[in-house]
Amino acid sequence: MTNKDVILAKALFQSFPSVTVDKALIDRSLNGADNYVSSSLKQIELVTADLYVEAMTSPDFQEGSLSVTYPRELLKDLAIKIYTKHGDDKLYDLKDTQGSIESVSPW
């Protein structure tokens, strides 16, 4: 089983373009064609989180009777858990996606 096979074992990612999965693997310094080894688990989990974010930020899709809607809050929660588990900096990009801005007095 390759690193890419491990990612594609999740049904959600099977609908992603191959290049999207490949890019996520490369961004985490993994070769999708390499055999999966347990020492790669951290990087595989981080790729998974990155792809959850990709799905979360993708538009819904509808063509004829086919409709694809992503459970955005669930995907966000799953990504946050993985980023927190591994102390990944992408966590901070997700923590405040509600766009809350604190006003600061100039005086």
N, C-alpha and C. Protein backbone atom coordinates (compact mmCIF):
# COMPACT_ATOMS: atom_id res chain seq x y z
N MET A 1 0.85 -1.17 0.00
CA MET A 1 0.00 0.00 0.00
C MET A 1 0.90 1.24 0.00
N THR A 2 0.59 2.17 -0.88
CA THR A 2 1.39 3.40 -0.97
C THR A 2 0.83 4.48 -0.05
N ASN A 3 1.61 5.54 0.13
CA ASN A 3 1.14 6.68 0.92
C ASN A 3 -0.15 7.25 0.32
N LYS A 4 -0.21 7.32 -0.99
CA LYS A 4 -1.40 7.85 -1.65
C LYS A 4 -2.59 6.93 -1.43
N ASP A 5 -2.36 5.62 -1.46
CA ASP A 5 -3.44 4.66 -1.20
C ASP A 5 -4.03 4.86 0.18
N VAL A 6 -3.18 5.16 1.16
CA VAL A 6 -3.65 5.38 2.53
C VAL A 6 -4.60 6.58 2.56
N ILE A 7 -4.22 7.64 1.88
CA ILE A 7 -5.07 8.84 1.83
C ILE A 7 -6.38 8.53 1.11
N LEU A 8 -6.28 7.84 -0.02
CA LEU A 8 -7.47 7.55 -0.83
C LEU A 8 -8.37 6.49 -0.20
N ALA A 9 -7.91 5.87 0.88
CA ALA A 9 -8.75 4.91 1.59
C ALA A 9 -9.95 5.60 2.25
N LYS A 10 -9.84 6.91 2.46
CA LYS A 10 -10.97 7.69 2.98
C LYS A 10 -11.86 8.07 1.79
N ALA A 11 -13.10 7.67 1.87
CA ALA A 11 -14.03 7.88 0.75
C ALA A 11 -14.11 9.34 0.32
N LEU A 12 -14.05 10.25 1.26
CA LEU A 12 -14.14 11.68 0.95
C LEU A 12 -13.09 12.10 -0.07
N PHE A 13 -11.88 11.54 0.03
CA PHE A 13 -10.78 11.98 -0.82
C PHE A 13 -10.77 11.30 -2.19
N GLN A 14 -11.57 10.27 -2.37
CA GLN A 14 -11.62 9.59 -3.66
C GLN A 14 -12.20 10.47 -4.75
N SER A 15 -13.00 11.46 -4.36
CA SER A 15 -13.59 12.36 -5.35
C SER A 15 -12.69 13.54 -5.67
N PHE A 16 -11.58 13.67 -4.96
CA PHE A 16 -10.66 14.78 -5.21
C PHE A 16 -9.84 14.51 -6.48
N PRO A 17 -9.49 15.57 -7.20
CA PRO A 17 -8.57 15.39 -8.33
C PRO A 17 -7.24 14.82 -7.82
N SER A 18 -6.66 13.94 -8.58
CA SER A 18 -5.40 13.30 -8.20
C SER A 18 -4.31 14.32 -7.87
N VAL A 19 -4.29 15.41 -8.63
CA VAL A 19 -3.25 16.42 -8.40
C VAL A 19 -3.42 17.10 -7.04
N THR A 20 -4.63 17.20 -6.55
CA THR A 20 -4.88 17.81 -5.23
C THR A 20 -4.27 16.93 -4.14
N VAL A 21 -4.48 15.65 -4.23
CA VAL A 21 -3.91 14.71 -3.26
C VAL A 21 -2.39 14.69 -3.39
N ASP A 22 -1.89 14.66 -4.63
CA ASP A 22 -0.44 14.66 -4.85
C ASP A 22 0.22 15.89 -4.25
N LYS A 23 -0.40 17.06 -4.46
CA LYS A 23 0.16 18.31 -3.92
C LYS A 23 0.20 18.27 -2.40
N ALA A 24 -0.88 17.80 -1.78
CA ALA A 24 -0.92 17.72 -0.32
C ALA A 24 0.19 16.81 0.21
N LEU A 25 0.43 15.70 -0.47
CA LEU A 25 1.50 14.78 -0.07
C LEU A 25 2.87 15.46 -0.22
N ILE A 26 3.08 16.11 -1.34
CA ILE A 26 4.36 16.78 -1.59
C ILE A 26 4.59 17.90 -0.58
N ASP A 27 3.53 18.66 -0.28
CA ASP A 27 3.66 19.76 0.68
C ASP A 27 4.10 19.26 2.06
N ARG A 28 3.80 17.99 2.36
CA ARG A 28 4.20 17.38 3.64
C ARG A 28 5.43 16.48 3.47
N SER A 29 6.14 16.67 2.36
CA SER A 29 7.39 15.94 2.08
C SER A 29 7.20 14.43 1.99
N LEU A 30 6.07 14.01 1.45
CA LEU A 30 5.81 12.59 1.25
C LEU A 30 5.69 12.30 -0.24
N ASN A 31 6.20 11.16 -0.64
CA ASN A 31 6.04 10.70 -2.01
C ASN A 31 4.84 9.75 -2.02
N GLY A 32 3.84 10.07 -2.79
CA GLY A 32 2.64 9.26 -2.85
C GLY A 32 2.89 7.84 -3.32
N ALA A 33 3.95 7.63 -4.11
CA ALA A 33 4.26 6.30 -4.66
C ALA A 33 5.06 5.43 -3.68
N ASP A 34 5.62 6.03 -2.64
CA ASP A 34 6.38 5.25 -1.66
C ASP A 34 5.45 4.35 -0.86
N ASN A 35 5.96 3.21 -0.44
CA ASN A 35 5.19 2.32 0.41
C ASN A 35 4.95 2.98 1.75
N TYR A 36 3.73 2.83 2.24
CA TYR A 36 3.39 3.38 3.55
C TYR A 36 4.12 2.62 4.65
N VAL A 37 4.71 3.37 5.57
CA VAL A 37 5.35 2.79 6.75
C VAL A 37 4.80 3.54 7.96
N SER A 38 4.72 2.86 9.08
CA SER A 38 4.10 3.46 10.26
C SER A 38 4.82 4.72 10.73
N SER A 39 6.10 4.85 10.41
CA SER A 39 6.82 6.06 10.81
C SER A 39 6.33 7.29 10.05
N SER A 40 5.55 7.09 9.00
CA SER A 40 4.98 8.21 8.22
C SER A 40 3.61 8.63 8.73
N LEU A 41 3.12 7.98 9.79
CA LEU A 41 1.75 8.23 10.26
C LEU A 41 1.49 9.71 10.54
N LYS A 42 2.41 10.39 11.21
CA LYS A 42 2.22 11.80 11.53
C LYS A 42 2.00 12.61 10.25
N GLN A 43 2.86 12.42 9.27
CA GLN A 43 2.74 13.17 8.03
C GLN A 43 1.45 12.81 7.28
N ILE A 44 1.07 11.54 7.31
CA ILE A 44 -0.17 11.11 6.66
C ILE A 44 -1.37 11.78 7.33
N GLU A 45 -1.35 11.84 8.66
CA GLU A 45 -2.45 12.49 9.38
C GLU A 45 -2.50 13.98 9.05
N LEU A 46 -1.34 14.62 8.92
CA LEU A 46 -1.32 16.04 8.58
C LEU A 46 -1.81 16.28 7.15
N VAL A 47 -1.48 15.37 6.23
CA VAL A 47 -2.02 15.46 4.86
C VAL A 47 -3.54 15.34 4.92
N THR A 48 -4.02 14.42 5.73
CA THR A 48 -5.47 14.24 5.90
C THR A 48 -6.12 15.54 6.38
N ALA A 49 -5.51 16.17 7.38
CA ALA A 49 -6.04 17.45 7.88
C ALA A 49 -6.03 18.51 6.79
N ASP A 50 -4.94 18.57 6.03
CA ASP A 50 -4.85 19.54 4.94
C ASP A 50 -5.97 19.32 3.92
N LEU A 51 -6.27 18.06 3.64
CA LEU A 51 -7.32 17.76 2.68
C LEU A 51 -8.71 18.01 3.26
N TYR A 52 -8.86 17.87 4.58
CA TYR A 52 -10.13 18.27 5.21
C TYR A 52 -10.35 19.76 4.99
N VAL A 53 -9.30 20.54 5.15
CA VAL A 53 -9.40 21.99 4.95
C VAL A 53 -9.72 22.27 3.48
N GLU A 54 -9.10 21.54 2.58
CA GLU A 54 -9.38 21.71 1.15
C GLU A 54 -10.87 21.46 0.87
N ALA A 55 -11.41 20.39 1.44
CA ALA A 55 -12.83 20.09 1.24
C ALA A 55 -13.70 21.17 1.88
N MET A 56 -13.29 21.60 3.07
CA MET A 56 -14.06 22.59 3.82
C MET A 56 -14.17 23.91 3.05
N THR A 57 -13.14 24.23 2.30
CA THR A 57 -13.12 25.50 1.58
C THR A 57 -13.56 25.36 0.12
N SER A 58 -13.96 24.16 -0.27
CA SER A 58 -14.44 23.93 -1.64
C SER A 58 -15.91 24.27 -1.74
N PRO A 59 -16.32 24.74 -2.91
CA PRO A 59 -17.75 25.03 -3.08
C PRO A 59 -18.56 23.75 -3.19
N ASP A 60 -19.83 23.83 -2.82
CA ASP A 60 -20.74 22.71 -3.03
C ASP A 60 -20.89 22.50 -4.54
N PHE A 61 -21.26 21.31 -4.92
CA PHE A 61 -21.33 20.96 -6.33
C PHE A 61 -22.68 20.31 -6.62
N GLN A 62 -23.29 20.69 -7.72
CA GLN A 62 -24.53 20.05 -8.13
C GLN A 62 -24.57 19.96 -9.64
N GLU A 63 -24.87 18.75 -10.11
CA GLU A 63 -25.04 18.52 -11.54
C GLU A 63 -26.14 17.49 -11.71
N GLY A 64 -27.23 17.92 -12.28
CA GLY A 64 -28.38 17.03 -12.41
C GLY A 64 -28.86 16.59 -11.03
N SER A 65 -28.96 15.30 -10.83
CA SER A 65 -29.42 14.80 -9.53
C SER A 65 -28.26 14.56 -8.56
N LEU A 66 -27.03 14.74 -9.02
CA LEU A 66 -25.85 14.59 -8.15
C LEU A 66 -25.60 15.88 -7.39
N SER A 67 -25.48 15.78 -6.08
CA SER A 67 -25.21 16.94 -5.25
C SER A 67 -24.15 16.57 -4.22
N VAL A 68 -23.12 17.41 -4.11
CA VAL A 68 -22.05 17.19 -3.13
C VAL A 68 -21.99 18.41 -2.22
N THR A 69 -22.22 18.18 -0.94
CA THR A 69 -22.13 19.22 0.08
C THR A 69 -21.22 18.70 1.18
N TYR A 70 -20.24 19.50 1.56
CA TYR A 70 -19.28 19.08 2.58
C TYR A 70 -19.73 19.52 3.97
N PRO A 71 -19.59 18.65 4.96
CA PRO A 71 -19.92 19.03 6.35
C PRO A 71 -18.80 19.90 6.92
N ARG A 72 -18.85 21.18 6.61
CA ARG A 72 -17.73 22.07 6.89
C ARG A 72 -17.33 22.14 8.37
N GLU A 73 -18.28 22.25 9.27
CA GLU A 73 -17.94 22.34 10.69
C GLU A 73 -17.27 21.06 11.19
N LEU A 74 -17.76 19.92 10.74
CA LEU A 74 -17.15 18.64 11.11
C LEU A 74 -15.73 18.55 10.57
N LEU A 75 -15.53 18.91 9.31
CA LEU A 75 -14.21 18.87 8.72
C LEU A 75 -13.25 19.81 9.44
N LYS A 76 -13.74 20.99 9.81
CA LYS A 76 -12.92 21.94 10.56
C LYS A 76 -12.52 21.34 11.91
N ASP A 77 -13.47 20.74 12.61
CA ASP A 77 -13.17 20.13 13.91
C ASP A 77 -12.15 19.00 13.77
N LEU A 78 -12.30 18.17 12.75
CA LEU A 78 -11.35 17.08 12.54
C LEU A 78 -9.95 17.60 12.24
N ALA A 79 -9.87 18.62 11.39
CA ALA A 79 -8.56 19.20 11.06
C ALA A 79 -7.92 19.81 12.30
N ILE A 80 -8.70 20.54 13.09
CA ILE A 80 -8.16 21.16 14.31
C ILE A 80 -7.62 20.10 15.26
N LYS A 81 -8.33 19.00 15.41
CA LYS A 81 -7.86 17.92 16.29
C LYS A 81 -6.52 17.36 15.83
N ILE A 82 -6.38 17.16 14.53
CA ILE A 82 -5.12 16.62 14.00
C ILE A 82 -4.00 17.64 14.15
N TYR A 83 -4.25 18.90 13.78
CA TYR A 83 -3.21 19.92 13.92
C TYR A 83 -2.80 20.11 15.37
N THR A 84 -3.76 20.05 16.29
CA THR A 84 -3.46 20.17 17.72
C THR A 84 -2.62 18.99 18.18
N LYS A 85 -3.02 17.79 17.80
CA LYS A 85 -2.30 16.57 18.18
C LYS A 85 -0.83 16.65 17.82
N HIS A 86 -0.53 17.22 16.65
CA HIS A 86 0.84 17.24 16.15
C HIS A 86 1.51 18.60 16.31
N GLY A 87 0.85 19.55 16.95
CA GLY A 87 1.44 20.87 17.16
C GLY A 87 1.77 21.58 15.86
N ASP A 88 0.91 21.44 14.87
CA ASP A 88 1.17 22.01 13.55
C ASP A 88 0.72 23.47 13.49
N ASP A 89 1.52 24.29 12.83
CA ASP A 89 1.23 25.72 12.73
C ASP A 89 -0.05 26.04 11.96
N LYS A 90 -0.51 25.14 11.10
CA LYS A 90 -1.75 25.41 10.35
C LYS A 90 -2.95 25.50 11.28
N LEU A 91 -2.79 25.05 12.50
CA LEU A 91 -3.86 25.15 13.49
C LEU A 91 -4.29 26.60 13.65
N TYR A 92 -3.34 27.51 13.69
CA TYR A 92 -3.64 28.92 13.94
C TYR A 92 -4.40 29.55 12.79
N ASP A 93 -4.25 29.02 11.59
CA ASP A 93 -5.01 29.51 10.44
C ASP A 93 -6.49 29.15 10.57
N LEU A 94 -6.77 28.02 11.24
CA LEU A 94 -8.15 27.55 11.37
C LEU A 94 -8.85 28.02 12.61
N LYS A 95 -8.11 28.30 13.65
CA LYS A 95 -8.71 28.61 14.95
C LYS A 95 -9.72 29.74 14.87
N ASP A 96 -9.44 30.75 14.06
CA ASP A 96 -10.34 31.90 14.01
C ASP A 96 -10.81 32.14 12.58
N THR A 97 -11.55 31.19 12.05
CA THR A 97 -12.06 31.35 10.69
C THR A 97 -13.43 32.03 10.68
N GLN A 98 -13.90 32.45 11.84
CA GLN A 98 -15.18 33.15 11.91
C GLN A 98 -15.02 34.63 11.54
N GLY A 99 -13.77 35.08 11.43
CA GLY A 99 -13.52 36.44 11.01
C GLY A 99 -13.75 37.48 12.10
N SER A 100 -13.71 37.05 13.34
CA SER A 100 -13.93 38.02 14.41
C SER A 100 -12.74 38.97 14.51
N ILE A 101 -13.04 40.22 14.64
CA ILE A 101 -12.01 41.25 14.72
C ILE A 101 -12.27 42.07 15.98
N GLU A 102 -11.22 42.20 16.75
CA GLU A 102 -11.35 43.03 17.95
C GLU A 102 -11.03 44.47 17.59
N SER A 103 -11.85 45.38 18.06
CA SER A 103 -11.56 46.79 17.79
C SER A 103 -10.56 47.30 18.82
N VAL A 104 -9.67 48.11 18.34
CA VAL A 104 -8.63 48.66 19.22
C VAL A 104 -8.75 50.17 19.18
N SER A 105 -8.80 50.77 20.34
CA SER A 105 -8.89 52.23 20.41
C SER A 105 -7.56 52.86 20.03
N PRO A 106 -7.57 53.89 19.21
CA PRO A 106 -6.31 54.55 18.82
C PRO A 106 -5.74 55.40 19.95
N TRP A 107 -6.49 55.59 21.07
CA TRP A 107 -6.00 56.43 22.17
C TRP A 107 -5.58 55.62 23.32
